[in-house]
Amino acid sequence: MIQDPVCGTIIKKEEAVTLTLENNKKIYFCSRKCMLIFLKNPDKYVGKVHLHGIYPLV
C-alpha cells in the first residue's frame, strides 16, 4: 500500500496512476487528477514523496 502525496489517499501500488521521472524514480497517485495537480506545483509536494518516489504508508 502507498499513499498519494497530493490527497493522502491510501492505494494499492498496482492500481495507482504512475509518473516516471527522468531519473527513473516513480511517484504514484490515486488518480490522473492528483497527478496533474502535482505536476502544476511539484515543489509543494516534494517533501511528501519518499526518496525512491514512493510515499510509504506510515
PDB file of N, CA and C in Angstrom:
ATOM      1  N   MET A   1       0.852  -1.182   0.000  1.00  0.00           N
ATOM      2  CA  MET A   1       0.000   0.000   0.000  1.00  0.00           C
ATOM      3  C   MET A   1       0.898   1.245   0.000  1.00  0.00           C
ATOM      4  N   ILE A   2       0.451   2.240  -0.719  1.00  0.00           N
ATOM      5  CA  ILE A   2       1.165   3.508  -0.789  1.00  0.00           C
ATOM      6  C   ILE A   2       0.173   4.643  -0.567  1.00  0.00           C
ATOM      7  N   GLN A   3       0.726   5.839  -0.373  1.00  0.00           N
ATOM      8  CA  GLN A   3      -0.129   6.992  -0.117  1.00  0.00           C
ATOM      9  C   GLN A   3       0.125   8.051  -1.172  1.00  0.00           C
ATOM     10  N   ASP A   4      -0.939   8.526  -1.759  1.00  0.00           N
ATOM     11  CA  ASP A   4      -0.873   9.596  -2.748  1.00  0.00           C
ATOM     12  C   ASP A   4      -0.304  10.842  -2.062  1.00  0.00           C
ATOM     13  N   PRO A   5       0.772  11.460  -2.617  1.00  0.00           N
ATOM     14  CA  PRO A   5       1.375  12.629  -1.973  1.00  0.00           C
ATOM     15  C   PRO A   5       0.521  13.888  -2.050  1.00  0.00           C
ATOM     16  N   VAL A   6      -0.480  13.914  -2.919  1.00  0.00           N
ATOM     17  CA  VAL A   6      -1.320  15.099  -3.079  1.00  0.00           C
ATOM     18  C   VAL A   6      -2.501  15.074  -2.120  1.00  0.00           C
ATOM     19  N   CYS A   7      -3.291  14.011  -2.162  1.00  0.00           N
ATOM     20  CA  CYS A   7      -4.522  13.981  -1.363  1.00  0.00           C
ATOM     21  C   CYS A   7      -4.441  13.073  -0.139  1.00  0.00           C
ATOM     22  N   GLY A   8      -3.402  12.236  -0.078  1.00  0.00           N
ATOM     23  CA  GLY A   8      -3.224  11.374   1.082  1.00  0.00           C
ATOM     24  C   GLY A   8      -3.985  10.062   1.031  1.00  0.00           C
ATOM     25  N   THR A   9      -4.679   9.782  -0.071  1.00  0.00           N
ATOM     26  CA  THR A   9      -5.428   8.537  -0.197  1.00  0.00           C
ATOM     27  C   THR A   9      -4.475   7.343  -0.191  1.00  0.00           C
ATOM     28  N   ILE A  10      -4.847   6.297   0.546  1.00  0.00           N
ATOM     29  CA  ILE A  10      -4.078   5.059   0.583  1.00  0.00           C
ATOM     30  C   ILE A  10      -4.559   4.180  -0.576  1.00  0.00           C
ATOM     31  N   ILE A  11      -3.614   3.722  -1.399  1.00  0.00           N
ATOM     32  CA  ILE A  11      -3.964   2.930  -2.575  1.00  0.00           C
ATOM     33  C   ILE A  11      -3.006   1.757  -2.749  1.00  0.00           C
ATOM     34  N   LYS A  12      -3.452   0.773  -3.521  1.00  0.00           N
ATOM     35  CA  LYS A  12      -2.575  -0.333  -3.895  1.00  0.00           C
ATOM     36  C   LYS A  12      -1.682   0.149  -5.034  1.00  0.00           C
ATOM     37  N   LYS A  13      -0.397  -0.175  -4.948  1.00  0.00           N
ATOM     38  CA  LYS A  13       0.561   0.266  -5.957  1.00  0.00           C
ATOM     39  C   LYS A  13       0.125  -0.127  -7.366  1.00  0.00           C
ATOM     40  N   GLU A  14      -0.383  -1.356  -7.519  1.00  0.00           N
ATOM     41  CA  GLU A  14      -0.762  -1.840  -8.850  1.00  0.00           C
ATOM     42  C   GLU A  14      -2.002  -1.148  -9.412  1.00  0.00           C
ATOM     43  N   GLU A  15      -2.736  -0.415  -8.595  1.00  0.00           N
ATOM     44  CA  GLU A  15      -3.926   0.310  -9.057  1.00  0.00           C
ATOM     45  C   GLU A  15      -3.662   1.803  -9.240  1.00  0.00           C
ATOM     46  N   ALA A  16      -2.448   2.235  -8.948  1.00  0.00           N
ATOM     47  CA  ALA A  16      -2.116   3.654  -8.964  1.00  0.00           C
ATOM     48  C   ALA A  16      -1.807   4.160 -10.370  1.00  0.00           C
ATOM     49  N   VAL A  17      -1.967   5.470 -10.540  1.00  0.00           N
ATOM     50  CA  VAL A  17      -1.502   6.167 -11.734  1.00  0.00           C
ATOM     51  C   VAL A  17      -0.037   6.479 -11.460  1.00  0.00           C
ATOM     52  N   THR A  18       0.844   6.100 -12.380  1.00  0.00           N
ATOM     53  CA  THR A  18       2.278   6.218 -12.143  1.00  0.00           C
ATOM     54  C   THR A  18       2.888   7.323 -12.983  1.00  0.00           C
ATOM     55  N   LEU A  19       3.726   8.127 -12.335  1.00  0.00           N
ATOM     56  CA  LEU A  19       4.511   9.144 -13.022  1.00  0.00           C
ATOM     57  C   LEU A  19       5.968   8.724 -12.896  1.00  0.00           C
ATOM     58  N   THR A  20       6.644   8.535 -14.033  1.00  0.00           N
ATOM     59  CA  THR A  20       8.056   8.165 -14.014  1.00  0.00           C
ATOM     60  C   THR A  20       8.875   9.406 -14.320  1.00  0.00           C
ATOM     61  N   LEU A  21       9.800   9.731 -13.428  1.00  0.00           N
ATOM     62  CA  LEU A  21      10.650  10.902 -13.588  1.00  0.00           C
ATOM     63  C   LEU A  21      11.856  10.566 -14.462  1.00  0.00           C
ATOM     64  N   GLU A  22      12.625  11.588 -14.854  1.00  0.00           N
ATOM     65  CA  GLU A  22      13.799  11.388 -15.706  1.00  0.00           C
ATOM     66  C   GLU A  22      14.808  10.430 -15.087  1.00  0.00           C
ATOM     67  N   ASN A  23      14.900  10.406 -13.770  1.00  0.00           N
ATOM     68  CA  ASN A  23      15.863   9.552 -13.078  1.00  0.00           C
ATOM     69  C   ASN A  23      15.297   8.156 -12.813  1.00  0.00           C
ATOM     70  N   ASN A  24      14.203   7.816 -13.489  1.00  0.00           N
ATOM     71  CA  ASN A  24      13.513   6.523 -13.371  1.00  0.00           C
ATOM     72  C   ASN A  24      12.846   6.284 -12.027  1.00  0.00           C
ATOM     73  N   LYS A  25      12.789   7.291 -11.175  1.00  0.00           N
ATOM     74  CA  LYS A  25      12.022   7.162  -9.936  1.00  0.00           C
ATOM     75  C   LYS A  25      10.550   7.292 -10.296  1.00  0.00           C
ATOM     76  N   LYS A  26       9.718   6.636  -9.526  1.00  0.00           N
ATOM     77  CA  LYS A  26       8.287   6.640  -9.798  1.00  0.00           C
ATOM     78  C   LYS A  26       7.530   7.276  -8.637  1.00  0.00           C
ATOM     79  N   ILE A  27       6.495   8.021  -8.983  1.00  0.00           N
ATOM     80  CA  ILE A  27       5.596   8.597  -7.993  1.00  0.00           C
ATOM     81  C   ILE A  27       4.211   8.067  -8.331  1.00  0.00           C
ATOM     82  N   TYR A  28       3.482   7.647  -7.317  1.00  0.00           N
ATOM     83  CA  TYR A  28       2.187   7.003  -7.506  1.00  0.00           C
ATOM     84  C   TYR A  28       1.062   7.888  -6.980  1.00  0.00           C
ATOM     85  N   PHE A  29      -0.036   7.940  -7.747  1.00  0.00           N
ATOM     86  CA  PHE A  29      -1.184   8.770  -7.410  1.00  0.00           C
ATOM     87  C   PHE A  29      -2.463   7.943  -7.471  1.00  0.00           C
ATOM     88  N   CYS A  30      -3.484   8.383  -6.749  1.00  0.00           N
ATOM     89  CA  CYS A  30      -4.771   7.681  -6.759  1.00  0.00           C
ATOM     90  C   CYS A  30      -5.533   7.939  -8.049  1.00  0.00           C
ATOM     91  N   SER A  31      -5.214   9.047  -8.725  1.00  0.00           N
ATOM     92  CA  SER A  31      -5.939   9.399  -9.948  1.00  0.00           C
ATOM     93  C   SER A  31      -5.088  10.305 -10.830  1.00  0.00           C
ATOM     94  N   ARG A  32      -5.508  10.405 -12.076  1.00  0.00           N
ATOM     95  CA  ARG A  32      -4.838  11.322 -13.004  1.00  0.00           C
ATOM     96  C   ARG A  32      -4.980  12.767 -12.510  1.00  0.00           C
ATOM     97  N   LYS A  33      -6.104  13.077 -11.904  1.00  0.00           N
ATOM     98  CA  LYS A  33      -6.341  14.424 -11.377  1.00  0.00           C
ATOM     99  C   LYS A  33      -5.256  14.804 -10.365  1.00  0.00           C
ATOM    100  N   CYS A  34      -4.951  13.903  -9.430  1.00  0.00           N
ATOM    101  CA  CYS A  34      -3.914  14.195  -8.433  1.00  0.00           C
ATOM    102  C   CYS A  34      -2.540  14.321  -9.088  1.00  0.00           C
ATOM    103  N   MET A  35      -2.276  13.505 -10.106  1.00  0.00           N
ATOM    104  CA  MET A  35      -1.006  13.607 -10.808  1.00  0.00           C
ATOM    105  C   MET A  35      -0.877  14.979 -11.473  1.00  0.00           C
ATOM    106  N   LEU A  36      -1.947  15.463 -12.094  1.00  0.00           N
ATOM    107  CA  LEU A  36      -1.911  16.770 -12.752  1.00  0.00           C
ATOM    108  C   LEU A  36      -1.745  17.901 -11.742  1.00  0.00           C
ATOM    109  N   ILE A  37      -2.374  17.782 -10.584  1.00  0.00           N
ATOM    110  CA  ILE A  37      -2.198  18.773  -9.517  1.00  0.00           C
ATOM    111  C   ILE A  37      -0.735  18.804  -9.093  1.00  0.00           C
ATOM    112  N   PHE A  38      -0.137  17.624  -8.923  1.00  0.00           N
ATOM    113  CA  PHE A  38       1.275  17.521  -8.559  1.00  0.00           C
ATOM    114  C   PHE A  38       2.155  18.203  -9.608  1.00  0.00           C
ATOM    115  N   LEU A  39       1.892  17.936 -10.878  1.00  0.00           N
ATOM    116  CA  LEU A  39       2.714  18.486 -11.956  1.00  0.00           C
ATOM    117  C   LEU A  39       2.629  20.005 -12.052  1.00  0.00           C
ATOM    118  N   LYS A  40       1.513  20.590 -11.631  1.00  0.00           N
ATOM    119  CA  LYS A  40       1.372  22.047 -11.653  1.00  0.00           C
ATOM    120  C   LYS A  40       2.244  22.721 -10.604  1.00  0.00           C
ATOM    121  N   ASN A  41       2.515  22.020  -9.494  1.00  0.00           N
ATOM    122  CA  ASN A  41       3.297  22.609  -8.410  1.00  0.00           C
ATOM    123  C   ASN A  41       4.050  21.515  -7.640  1.00  0.00           C
ATOM    124  N   PRO A  42       5.027  20.847  -8.273  1.00  0.00           N
ATOM    125  CA  PRO A  42       5.711  19.735  -7.614  1.00  0.00           C
ATOM    126  C   PRO A  42       6.439  20.135  -6.334  1.00  0.00           C
ATOM    127  N   ASP A  43       6.940  21.365  -6.260  1.00  0.00           N
ATOM    128  CA  ASP A  43       7.660  21.800  -5.056  1.00  0.00           C
ATOM    129  C   ASP A  43       6.782  21.755  -3.810  1.00  0.00           C
ATOM    130  N   LYS A  44       5.498  21.932  -3.984  1.00  0.00           N
ATOM    131  CA  LYS A  44       4.569  21.895  -2.851  1.00  0.00           C
ATOM    132  C   LYS A  44       4.496  20.499  -2.237  1.00  0.00           C
ATOM    133  N   TYR A  45       4.709  19.472  -3.058  1.00  0.00           N
ATOM    134  CA  TYR A  45       4.533  18.090  -2.609  1.00  0.00           C
ATOM    135  C   TYR A  45       5.834  17.311  -2.486  1.00  0.00           C
ATOM    136  N   VAL A  46       6.947  17.902  -2.902  1.00  0.00           N
ATOM    137  CA  VAL A  46       8.212  17.168  -2.946  1.00  0.00           C
ATOM    138  C   VAL A  46       8.600  16.593  -1.582  1.00  0.00           C
ATOM    139  N   GLY A  47       8.289  17.261  -0.503  1.00  0.00           N
ATOM    140  CA  GLY A  47       8.601  16.761   0.833  1.00  0.00           C
ATOM    141  C   GLY A  47       7.765  15.561   1.225  1.00  0.00           C
ATOM    142  N   LYS A  48       6.666  15.338   0.530  1.00  0.00           N
ATOM    143  CA  LYS A  48       5.786  14.214   0.831  1.00  0.00           C
ATOM    144  C   LYS A  48       6.142  12.974   0.009  1.00  0.00           C
ATOM    145  N   VAL A  49       7.071  13.120  -0.925  1.00  0.00           N
ATOM    146  CA  VAL A  49       7.462  11.998  -1.776  1.00  0.00           C
ATOM    147  C   VAL A  49       8.719  11.369  -1.201  1.00  0.00           C
ATOM    148  N   HIS A  50       8.668  10.081  -0.957  1.00  0.00           N
ATOM    149  CA  HIS A  50       9.800   9.328  -0.421  1.00  0.00           C
ATOM    150  C   HIS A  50      10.961   9.369  -1.414  1.00  0.00           C
ATOM    151  N   LEU A  51      12.172   9.200  -0.930  1.00  0.00           N
ATOM    152  CA  LEU A  51      13.384   9.245  -1.737  1.00  0.00           C
ATOM    153  C   LEU A  51      13.297   8.379  -2.990  1.00  0.00           C
ATOM    154  N   HIS A  52      12.668   7.235  -2.901  1.00  0.00           N
ATOM    155  CA  HIS A  52      12.576   6.321  -4.034  1.00  0.00           C
ATOM    156  C   HIS A  52      11.334   6.575  -4.882  1.00  0.00           C
ATOM    157  N   GLY A  53      10.630   7.654  -4.594  1.00  0.00           N
ATOM    158  CA  GLY A  53       9.470   8.001  -5.399  1.00  0.00           C
ATOM    159  C   GLY A  53       8.169   7.407  -4.908  1.00  0.00           C
ATOM    160  N   ILE A  54       8.227   6.632  -3.826  1.00  0.00           N
ATOM    161  CA  ILE A  54       7.013   6.043  -3.268  1.00  0.00           C
ATOM    162  C   ILE A  54       6.799   6.644  -1.893  1.00  0.00           C
ATOM    163  N   TYR A  55       5.630   7.177  -1.673  1.00  0.00           N
ATOM    164  CA  TYR A  55       5.311   7.690  -0.350  1.00  0.00           C
ATOM    165  C   TYR A  55       4.713   6.544   0.453  1.00  0.00           C
ATOM    166  N   PRO A  56       5.468   6.008   1.400  1.00  0.00           N
ATOM    167  CA  PRO A  56       5.019   4.800   2.101  1.00  0.00           C
ATOM    168  C   PRO A  56       3.907   5.066   3.105  1.00  0.00           C
ATOM    169  N   LEU A  57       3.154   4.032   3.384  1.00  0.00           N
ATOM    170  CA  LEU A  57       2.150   4.082   4.434  1.00  0.00           C
ATOM    171  C   LEU A  57       2.877   4.130   5.764  1.00  0.00           C
ATOM    172  N   VAL A  58       2.607   5.132   6.565  1.00  0.00           N
ATOM    173  CA  VAL A  58       3.329   5.315   7.829  1.00  0.00           C
ATOM    174  C   VAL A  58       2.514   4.780   8.976  1.00  0.00           C
TER     175      VAL A  58
END
